[in-house]
Protein backbone atom coordinates (compact mmCIF):
# COMPACT_ATOMS: atom_id res chain seq x y z
CA MET A 1 166.61 -94.74 11.12
CA ALA A 2 169.43 -96.82 12.49
CA GLY A 3 172.85 -95.19 12.64
CA PRO A 4 176.38 -96.63 12.66
CA ILE A 5 177.09 -99.24 15.46
CA TRP A 6 179.16 -96.71 17.21
CA GLN A 7 176.37 -94.08 17.46
CA TRP A 8 175.00 -93.17 20.97
CA ASP A 9 171.83 -95.25 21.49
CA GLU A 10 169.32 -92.60 22.63
CA ARG A 11 166.68 -95.43 23.00
CA ILE A 12 168.34 -96.65 26.15
CA GLN A 13 166.68 -95.00 29.22
CA ARG A 14 169.25 -93.24 31.40
CA GLY A 15 166.84 -91.91 33.96
CA THR A 16 163.35 -93.42 34.99
CA ASP A 17 162.18 -96.09 32.75
CA TYR A 18 158.81 -94.95 31.42
CA ALA A 19 157.90 -98.34 30.03
CA SER A 20 154.24 -98.53 31.07
CA GLN A 21 151.07 -96.33 30.83
CA ALA A 22 150.68 -96.63 34.53
CA VAL A 23 154.23 -95.14 35.11
CA VAL A 24 153.69 -92.45 32.58
CA ARG A 25 150.24 -91.51 33.94
CA ALA A 26 151.63 -91.31 37.48
CA TYR A 27 154.58 -89.08 36.16
CA ASP A 28 152.08 -86.81 34.33
CA GLU A 29 149.98 -86.32 37.48
CA HIS A 30 153.11 -85.82 39.58
CA MET A 31 154.55 -83.12 37.25
CA ALA A 32 151.07 -81.34 37.13
CA SER A 33 151.24 -81.07 40.85
CA LEU A 34 154.64 -79.49 40.80
CA ARG A 35 154.57 -77.37 37.77
CA ASP A 36 152.34 -74.96 35.99
CA LEU A 37 152.64 -76.84 32.81
CA SER A 38 150.02 -74.80 30.82
CA GLY A 39 151.60 -71.45 32.07
CA GLU A 40 155.17 -72.70 31.01
CA ALA A 41 153.86 -73.69 27.61
CA GLU A 42 152.27 -70.37 27.08
CA ARG A 43 155.39 -68.53 28.05
CA ILE A 44 157.59 -70.52 25.52
CA LEU A 45 155.02 -69.90 22.79
CA GLU A 46 155.26 -66.07 23.56
CA PHE A 47 158.99 -66.31 23.07
CA LEU A 48 158.70 -68.25 19.75
CA GLU A 49 156.07 -65.83 18.17
CA LEU A 50 154.59 -68.32 16.04
CA SER A 51 152.03 -67.83 13.32
CA GLY A 52 149.19 -70.06 12.20
CA GLY A 53 150.92 -71.35 9.24
CA ASP A 54 154.11 -72.61 11.10
CA VAL A 55 155.35 -76.10 11.70
CA VAL A 56 157.06 -76.73 15.02
CA LEU A 57 159.14 -79.73 16.37
CA GLU A 58 159.32 -80.80 19.95
CA ILE A 59 162.02 -83.31 20.97
CA GLY A 60 161.27 -85.24 24.04
CA THR A 61 157.57 -84.41 24.20
CA GLY A 62 156.80 -86.64 27.22
CA THR A 63 153.10 -86.48 28.03
CA GLY A 64 152.57 -83.83 25.28
CA SER A 65 151.56 -80.77 27.27
CA PHE A 66 153.53 -78.32 25.17
CA ALA A 67 152.72 -80.11 21.95
CA ARG A 68 148.97 -79.69 22.62
CA ALA A 69 149.35 -76.02 23.48
CA ALA A 70 151.43 -75.39 20.45
CA ALA A 71 148.96 -77.19 18.17
CA ARG A 72 146.49 -74.50 19.06
CA ARG A 73 148.78 -71.75 17.69
CA CYS A 74 150.30 -73.31 14.55
CA ARG A 75 149.50 -75.48 11.64
CA GLU A 76 151.40 -78.56 12.67
CA VAL A 77 153.41 -79.94 15.56
CA ILE A 78 155.86 -82.81 15.23
CA ALA A 79 156.22 -84.45 18.69
CA LEU A 80 159.16 -86.83 19.21
CA ASP A 81 159.98 -89.08 22.10
CA VAL A 82 162.07 -92.20 22.42
CA SER A 83 159.52 -93.76 24.81
CA GLY A 84 156.70 -95.53 23.06
CA ALA A 85 154.60 -95.45 26.32
CA MET A 86 155.01 -91.74 26.53
CA LEU A 87 153.89 -91.28 22.90
CA ALA A 88 150.94 -93.37 23.37
CA TYR A 89 149.80 -91.44 26.35
CA ALA A 90 150.47 -88.10 24.76
CA ALA A 91 148.54 -89.18 21.56
CA GLU A 92 145.51 -90.37 23.91
CA ARG A 93 145.56 -86.94 25.60
CA ALA A 94 145.47 -85.19 22.25
CA ARG A 95 142.55 -87.24 21.06
CA GLU A 96 140.62 -86.55 24.26
CA GLN A 97 140.98 -82.74 23.50
CA ASP A 98 140.11 -83.20 19.80
CA ILE A 99 143.59 -82.06 18.70
CA ALA A 100 144.33 -83.59 15.28
CA ASN A 101 147.35 -81.50 14.03
CA ILE A 102 150.11 -83.25 16.05
CA ILE A 103 152.34 -85.93 14.40
CA PHE A 104 153.70 -88.23 17.10
CA GLN A 105 156.92 -90.08 16.23
CA GLN A 106 159.28 -92.39 18.13
CA ALA A 107 162.66 -90.72 17.56
CA GLY A 108 165.10 -88.51 19.18
CA PHE A 109 167.83 -85.85 18.48
CA LEU A 110 170.04 -88.39 16.68
CA THR A 111 167.44 -90.43 14.77
CA TYR A 112 164.83 -88.02 13.60
CA GLU A 113 164.98 -87.29 9.85
CA HIS A 114 162.99 -84.18 8.89
CA GLN A 115 161.01 -84.07 5.70
CA GLY A 116 159.30 -81.12 3.96
CA GLU A 117 159.52 -77.55 4.63
CA LEU A 118 161.95 -76.18 7.22
CA LEU A 119 160.67 -75.66 10.73
CA ALA A 120 159.69 -72.31 12.21
CA ALA A 121 160.83 -73.45 15.58
CA ALA A 122 162.00 -76.34 17.80
CA VAL A 123 161.53 -76.89 21.50
CA SER A 124 163.22 -79.37 23.87
CA GLN A 125 162.77 -79.51 27.62
CA LEU A 126 164.69 -81.80 29.92
CA ALA A 127 165.81 -84.02 27.14
CA LEU A 128 169.16 -83.06 25.98
CA HIS A 129 170.91 -84.12 29.19
CA HIS A 130 170.40 -87.66 28.23
CA LEU A 131 173.29 -87.21 25.75
CA PRO A 132 177.04 -86.78 26.60
CA ASP A 133 178.42 -83.45 25.40
CA ALA A 134 179.95 -84.59 22.23
CA TRP A 135 176.58 -86.01 21.15
CA LYS A 136 174.86 -82.84 22.37
CA LEU A 137 176.85 -81.05 19.68
CA VAL A 138 176.03 -83.61 17.02
CA ALA A 139 172.26 -83.43 18.02
CA LEU A 140 172.12 -79.62 17.96
CA ARG A 141 174.07 -79.37 14.71
CA ARG A 142 171.65 -81.81 13.08
CA LEU A 143 168.67 -79.74 14.50
CA SER A 144 170.00 -76.41 13.19
CA HIS A 145 169.71 -77.84 9.55
CA PHE A 146 165.96 -78.50 10.13
CA ILE A 147 165.01 -75.08 11.20
CA ARG A 148 164.73 -72.07 8.71
CA PRO A 149 167.25 -69.19 8.87
CA GLN A 150 166.43 -67.01 11.95
CA GLY A 151 164.01 -69.70 13.16
CA LYS A 152 163.86 -70.30 16.90
CA LEU A 153 165.05 -72.93 19.34
CA PHE A 154 163.88 -72.98 22.99
CA LEU A 155 165.98 -75.22 25.13
CA SER A 156 165.44 -75.96 28.80
CA ASP A 157 167.47 -78.23 30.81
CA VAL A 158 169.35 -78.94 33.99
CA VAL A 159 172.57 -76.94 33.50
CA TYR A 160 175.18 -76.35 36.05
CA GLN A 161 176.09 -72.74 36.67
CA ASP A 162 179.50 -71.20 37.14
CA GLU A 163 179.45 -71.25 40.82
CA MET A 164 179.99 -74.99 40.67
CA ASP A 165 183.55 -74.40 39.57
CA SER A 166 184.80 -73.19 42.93
CA ASP A 167 183.13 -75.96 45.07
CA PRO A 168 181.53 -78.71 43.00
CA PHE A 169 180.66 -80.99 45.81
CA GLY A 170 179.23 -78.25 47.92
CA TYR A 171 177.17 -76.87 44.90
CA LEU A 172 175.79 -80.32 44.06
CA GLN A 173 174.88 -81.09 47.63
CA GLU A 174 173.02 -77.76 48.03
CA LEU A 175 171.35 -78.41 44.69
CA ILE A 176 170.11 -81.85 45.89
CA ASP A 177 169.08 -80.45 49.30
CA SER A 178 167.01 -77.60 47.71
CA TRP A 179 164.53 -80.18 46.14
CA PRO A 180 161.49 -81.22 48.16
CA GLU A 181 162.05 -84.35 50.00
CA GLY A 182 159.48 -86.37 48.01
CA VAL A 183 161.39 -85.84 44.72
CA ARG A 184 164.97 -85.46 46.05
CA SER A 185 165.80 -88.97 44.89
CA ASP A 186 165.17 -87.87 41.35
CA MET A 187 167.85 -85.17 41.56
CA VAL A 188 170.23 -87.65 43.23
CA ARG A 189 169.85 -90.01 40.30
CA HIS A 190 170.22 -87.15 37.85
CA VAL A 191 173.41 -85.85 39.32
CA GLY A 192 174.87 -89.37 39.64
CA HIS A 193 173.90 -90.96 36.32
CA GLU A 194 172.90 -88.39 33.62
CA PHE A 195 174.78 -85.91 31.53
CA SER A 196 173.91 -82.38 32.57
CA THR A 197 176.76 -79.88 31.63
CA PHE A 198 177.95 -76.44 32.44
CA ASP A 199 176.36 -73.18 31.13
CA TRP A 200 179.68 -72.10 29.52
CA THR A 201 179.75 -75.50 27.81
CA MET A 202 176.21 -75.35 26.64
CA ARG A 203 176.74 -71.81 25.18
CA GLU A 204 179.78 -73.01 23.20
CA ILE A 205 177.92 -76.12 21.96
CA LEU A 206 174.95 -73.90 20.90
CA ALA A 207 177.21 -71.51 19.00
CA ARG A 208 179.21 -74.30 17.22
CA ALA A 209 175.91 -75.99 16.29
CA GLY A 210 174.86 -72.95 14.42
CA PHE A 211 172.70 -70.93 16.91
CA SER A 212 173.03 -67.56 18.32
CA ILE A 213 171.67 -67.04 21.86
CA GLU A 214 169.11 -64.30 22.22
CA HIS A 215 168.01 -64.74 25.85
CA VAL A 216 169.02 -66.81 28.83
CA GLU A 217 167.18 -67.37 32.17
CA PHE A 218 168.40 -69.23 35.22
CA GLU A 219 165.81 -70.82 37.51
CA ASN A 220 166.42 -72.27 41.01
CA ARG A 221 170.23 -72.65 40.33
CA PHE A 222 169.84 -75.61 38.06
CA MET A 223 167.23 -75.04 35.38
CA THR A 224 168.46 -72.98 32.55
CA HIS A 225 166.34 -71.61 29.59
CA TYR A 226 167.92 -70.70 26.33
CA LEU A 227 166.14 -68.84 23.57
CA CYS A 228 168.21 -69.14 20.27
CA ALA A 229 167.99 -68.35 16.66
CA THR A 230 169.47 -70.19 13.73
CA LYS A 231 172.25 -68.33 11.99
CA GLU A 232 172.09 -67.49 8.28
CA ARG A 233 173.61 -70.35 6.30
CA GLY A 234 177.40 -69.83 5.91
CA ALA A 235 177.43 -67.26 8.75
């Protein structure tokens, strides 16, 4: 659904432009070589404590590795991405594995309109940093209304920690240098052109959006994982 003319356009790719199946496939293979995607998905699912009748939303599904894992645990997964090429690839992977309970939809934080019962949980990994902070609040506030009271949100993203306050240039340079040489250019592009924020800012945005933080983990000085629950309406 189109918003007002002044709304942030989340369809514009701020990082790598995943416009073709070849680029998406190369990205999927590259991520699989760097990360234990199945292990990460299982760990998130343990945090969410889903049941077989639950409906889960993933925003920024990418190549769909989490969505496929979640589909084996719950009744339905709604998997969003603003990239049509990503969605086509993710849907193909789901068909290859005979997974039929994922709904793929081209949308994002600001354009998705939820229909039907409230969600048991929502998950977003490495997607929220595409929005400036003001739009992060708009996005998460919208999302909180789609999740049932005491439902869960698992949010992972590049978030700058408090040590950046005292020496921002030193902190960012160390962050970039800590990445393997083959992917260091990705972090350079991220720092220079994308919208990661501070941990203290993210905590405040989550609280104002209607979430209470239950657990936080910091990974490698830049990745931060937040497990949250929606507050009771009116709380």
